[in-house]
């Protein structure tokens, strides 16, 4: 059986996303992150916005994010994708 199409999309997107080195990540403004207070879920470009939404959905399902945190990440990512 083939891989789940959603998983393939995320894998393809992650291969296309530019590498975000520690130096680049540290230089980003806090407002660039889906959770700025924690500097988690960086959204500097559209590819990272797609990844942030995908990872946030997984973390919400695992119980590692609250609904409010998930909504904040998705809102920020959607603004970047618009």
N, C-alpha and C. Protein backbone atom coordinates (compact mmCIF):
# COMPACT_ATOMS: atom_id res chain seq x y z
N UNK A 1 0.84 -1.18 0.00
CA UNK A 1 0.00 0.00 0.00
C UNK A 1 0.88 1.24 0.00
N UNK A 2 0.41 2.29 -0.64
CA UNK A 2 1.15 3.54 -0.70
C UNK A 2 0.98 4.35 0.57
N UNK A 3 1.79 5.37 0.68
CA UNK A 3 1.72 6.25 1.85
C UNK A 3 0.43 7.07 1.80
N UNK A 4 -0.02 7.47 2.96
CA UNK A 4 -1.18 8.33 3.08
C UNK A 4 -0.92 9.61 2.26
N UNK A 5 -1.84 10.03 1.39
CA UNK A 5 -1.61 11.21 0.54
C UNK A 5 -1.29 12.47 1.35
N UNK A 6 -1.90 12.60 2.53
CA UNK A 6 -1.62 13.78 3.35
C UNK A 6 -0.18 13.75 3.85
N UNK A 7 0.29 12.56 4.19
CA UNK A 7 1.67 12.42 4.66
C UNK A 7 2.63 12.72 3.52
N UNK A 8 2.31 12.26 2.32
CA UNK A 8 3.18 12.55 1.17
C UNK A 8 3.26 14.04 0.92
N UNK A 9 2.13 14.75 1.08
CA UNK A 9 2.12 16.20 0.87
C UNK A 9 3.02 16.90 1.87
N UNK A 10 2.93 16.49 3.13
CA UNK A 10 3.78 17.10 4.16
C UNK A 10 5.24 16.79 3.90
N UNK A 11 5.53 15.55 3.51
CA UNK A 11 6.90 15.16 3.23
C UNK A 11 7.45 15.95 2.05
N UNK A 12 6.64 16.11 1.00
CA UNK A 12 7.07 16.87 -0.16
C UNK A 12 7.28 18.33 0.21
N UNK A 13 6.39 18.88 1.02
CA UNK A 13 6.51 20.27 1.43
C UNK A 13 7.75 20.47 2.28
N UNK A 14 8.03 19.54 3.18
CA UNK A 14 9.19 19.70 4.05
C UNK A 14 10.48 19.62 3.27
N UNK A 15 10.50 18.87 2.18
CA UNK A 15 11.70 18.81 1.34
C UNK A 15 11.90 20.12 0.60
N UNK A 16 10.81 20.81 0.28
CA UNK A 16 10.90 22.07 -0.45
C UNK A 16 11.20 23.25 0.46
N UNK A 17 10.84 23.13 1.71
CA UNK A 17 11.04 24.24 2.64
C UNK A 17 12.52 24.50 2.82
N UNK A 18 12.88 25.77 2.80
CA UNK A 18 14.26 26.13 3.02
C UNK A 18 14.69 25.73 4.42
N UNK A 19 15.94 25.35 4.53
CA UNK A 19 16.46 24.98 5.84
C UNK A 19 16.44 26.21 6.74
N UNK A 20 15.95 26.03 7.92
CA UNK A 20 15.91 27.10 8.90
C UNK A 20 16.97 26.77 9.94
N UNK A 21 18.16 27.30 9.71
CA UNK A 21 19.26 27.02 10.63
C UNK A 21 19.00 27.70 11.97
N UNK A 22 19.75 27.28 12.97
CA UNK A 22 19.61 27.88 14.29
C UNK A 22 19.88 29.38 14.22
N UNK A 23 20.85 29.77 13.43
CA UNK A 23 21.19 31.20 13.30
C UNK A 23 20.03 31.98 12.69
N UNK A 24 19.43 31.43 11.63
CA UNK A 24 18.29 32.09 10.99
C UNK A 24 17.09 32.13 11.94
N UNK A 25 16.83 31.00 12.61
CA UNK A 25 15.69 30.92 13.53
C UNK A 25 15.85 31.93 14.66
N UNK A 26 17.04 32.04 15.20
CA UNK A 26 17.29 32.97 16.30
C UNK A 26 17.17 34.43 15.87
N UNK A 27 17.38 34.69 14.59
CA UNK A 27 17.29 36.06 14.10
C UNK A 27 15.86 36.49 13.76
N UNK A 28 14.92 35.54 13.76
CA UNK A 28 13.52 35.86 13.45
C UNK A 28 12.89 36.64 14.60
N UNK A 29 12.04 37.58 14.25
CA UNK A 29 11.27 38.31 15.26
C UNK A 29 10.29 37.34 15.92
N UNK A 30 9.95 37.60 17.16
CA UNK A 30 9.00 36.74 17.88
C UNK A 30 7.66 36.68 17.14
N UNK A 31 7.28 37.77 16.49
CA UNK A 31 6.00 37.82 15.78
C UNK A 31 5.94 36.87 14.59
N UNK A 32 7.08 36.30 14.19
CA UNK A 32 7.13 35.37 13.07
C UNK A 32 6.69 33.98 13.47
N UNK A 33 6.57 33.73 14.76
CA UNK A 33 6.24 32.40 15.26
C UNK A 33 4.75 32.26 15.51
N UNK A 34 4.24 31.04 15.34
CA UNK A 34 2.84 30.75 15.63
C UNK A 34 2.54 30.91 17.11
N UNK A 35 3.50 30.57 17.94
CA UNK A 35 3.40 30.78 19.39
C UNK A 35 4.58 31.69 19.78
N UNK A 36 4.41 33.01 19.62
CA UNK A 36 5.54 33.93 19.80
C UNK A 36 6.16 33.91 21.19
N UNK A 37 5.37 33.73 22.23
CA UNK A 37 5.91 33.72 23.58
C UNK A 37 6.85 32.56 23.83
N UNK A 38 6.64 31.46 23.12
CA UNK A 38 7.47 30.27 23.26
C UNK A 38 8.46 30.12 22.11
N UNK A 39 8.34 30.99 21.09
CA UNK A 39 9.15 30.92 19.88
C UNK A 39 9.06 29.53 19.24
N UNK A 40 7.82 29.03 19.16
CA UNK A 40 7.56 27.74 18.52
C UNK A 40 6.74 27.95 17.26
N UNK A 41 6.86 27.03 16.33
CA UNK A 41 6.14 27.04 15.06
C UNK A 41 6.53 28.27 14.22
N UNK A 42 7.78 28.31 13.75
CA UNK A 42 8.21 29.44 12.93
C UNK A 42 7.45 29.48 11.61
N UNK A 43 7.05 30.69 11.21
CA UNK A 43 6.29 30.86 9.97
C UNK A 43 6.91 32.02 9.17
N UNK A 44 8.17 31.86 8.72
CA UNK A 44 8.81 32.93 7.96
C UNK A 44 8.40 32.96 6.49
N UNK A 45 7.83 31.87 5.99
CA UNK A 45 7.44 31.80 4.58
C UNK A 45 6.25 30.85 4.43
N UNK A 46 5.74 30.75 3.21
CA UNK A 46 4.53 29.95 2.98
C UNK A 46 4.76 28.46 3.23
N UNK A 47 5.93 27.97 2.90
CA UNK A 47 6.20 26.54 3.11
C UNK A 47 6.20 26.21 4.59
N UNK A 48 6.79 27.09 5.40
CA UNK A 48 6.78 26.86 6.83
C UNK A 48 5.37 27.04 7.41
N UNK A 49 4.55 27.86 6.78
CA UNK A 49 3.17 28.03 7.23
C UNK A 49 2.40 26.72 7.07
N UNK A 50 2.58 26.06 5.94
CA UNK A 50 1.93 24.78 5.70
C UNK A 50 2.40 23.75 6.73
N UNK A 51 3.71 23.73 6.96
CA UNK A 51 4.26 22.78 7.93
C UNK A 51 3.76 23.07 9.34
N UNK A 52 3.69 24.34 9.71
CA UNK A 52 3.23 24.70 11.05
C UNK A 52 1.80 24.21 11.27
N UNK A 53 0.94 24.39 10.27
CA UNK A 53 -0.44 23.92 10.40
C UNK A 53 -0.49 22.41 10.56
N UNK A 54 0.31 21.72 9.79
CA UNK A 54 0.32 20.26 9.84
C UNK A 54 0.81 19.75 11.20
N UNK A 55 1.93 20.29 11.65
CA UNK A 55 2.47 19.85 12.94
C UNK A 55 1.56 20.24 14.10
N UNK A 56 0.96 21.41 14.00
CA UNK A 56 0.06 21.84 15.08
C UNK A 56 -1.15 20.91 15.18
N UNK A 57 -1.66 20.47 14.04
CA UNK A 57 -2.81 19.56 14.05
C UNK A 57 -2.44 18.25 14.74
N UNK A 58 -1.23 17.76 14.45
CA UNK A 58 -0.78 16.52 15.08
C UNK A 58 -0.60 16.71 16.57
N UNK A 59 -0.03 17.82 16.97
CA UNK A 59 0.21 18.07 18.39
C UNK A 59 -1.10 18.29 19.15
N UNK A 60 -2.09 18.90 18.50
CA UNK A 60 -3.41 19.05 19.11
C UNK A 60 -4.02 17.68 19.36
N UNK A 61 -3.93 16.80 18.37
CA UNK A 61 -4.48 15.45 18.50
C UNK A 61 -3.80 14.67 19.62
N UNK A 62 -2.50 14.91 19.83
CA UNK A 62 -1.76 14.23 20.89
C UNK A 62 -2.04 14.84 22.26
N UNK A 63 -2.68 16.01 22.27
CA UNK A 63 -2.96 16.67 23.53
C UNK A 63 -1.84 17.58 24.01
N UNK A 64 -0.88 17.87 23.12
CA UNK A 64 0.25 18.72 23.48
C UNK A 64 -0.01 20.20 23.25
N UNK A 65 -1.10 20.54 22.60
CA UNK A 65 -1.51 21.92 22.37
C UNK A 65 -2.95 22.11 22.83
N UNK A 66 -3.24 23.30 23.31
CA UNK A 66 -4.64 23.61 23.62
C UNK A 66 -5.32 24.03 22.32
N UNK A 67 -6.62 24.06 22.36
CA UNK A 67 -7.39 24.52 21.19
C UNK A 67 -7.03 25.96 20.86
N UNK A 68 -6.84 26.79 21.88
CA UNK A 68 -6.49 28.20 21.67
C UNK A 68 -5.12 28.33 21.01
N UNK A 69 -4.15 27.53 21.44
CA UNK A 69 -2.82 27.56 20.82
C UNK A 69 -2.90 27.11 19.37
N UNK A 70 -3.64 26.04 19.13
CA UNK A 70 -3.81 25.54 17.77
C UNK A 70 -4.43 26.61 16.88
N UNK A 71 -5.48 27.25 17.37
CA UNK A 71 -6.15 28.29 16.58
C UNK A 71 -5.22 29.46 16.30
N UNK A 72 -4.37 29.83 17.25
CA UNK A 72 -3.43 30.92 17.05
C UNK A 72 -2.43 30.58 15.95
N UNK A 73 -1.94 29.35 15.95
CA UNK A 73 -0.98 28.90 14.93
C UNK A 73 -1.64 28.90 13.56
N UNK A 74 -2.84 28.34 13.48
CA UNK A 74 -3.55 28.25 12.19
C UNK A 74 -3.87 29.65 11.67
N UNK A 75 -4.30 30.55 12.54
CA UNK A 75 -4.61 31.92 12.12
C UNK A 75 -3.38 32.60 11.55
N UNK A 76 -2.26 32.49 12.26
CA UNK A 76 -1.01 33.11 11.79
C UNK A 76 -0.56 32.50 10.47
N UNK A 77 -0.66 31.18 10.34
CA UNK A 77 -0.26 30.50 9.12
C UNK A 77 -1.16 30.89 7.95
N UNK A 78 -2.46 30.98 8.21
CA UNK A 78 -3.40 31.37 7.14
C UNK A 78 -3.13 32.78 6.64
N UNK A 79 -2.73 33.68 7.53
CA UNK A 79 -2.38 35.05 7.12
C UNK A 79 -1.19 35.02 6.16
N UNK A 80 -0.21 34.16 6.44
CA UNK A 80 0.97 34.04 5.59
C UNK A 80 0.59 33.43 4.25
N UNK A 81 -0.37 32.52 4.26
CA UNK A 81 -0.77 31.83 3.03
C UNK A 81 -1.73 32.65 2.16
N UNK A 82 -2.33 33.68 2.75
CA UNK A 82 -3.30 34.50 2.00
C UNK A 82 -2.64 35.38 0.96
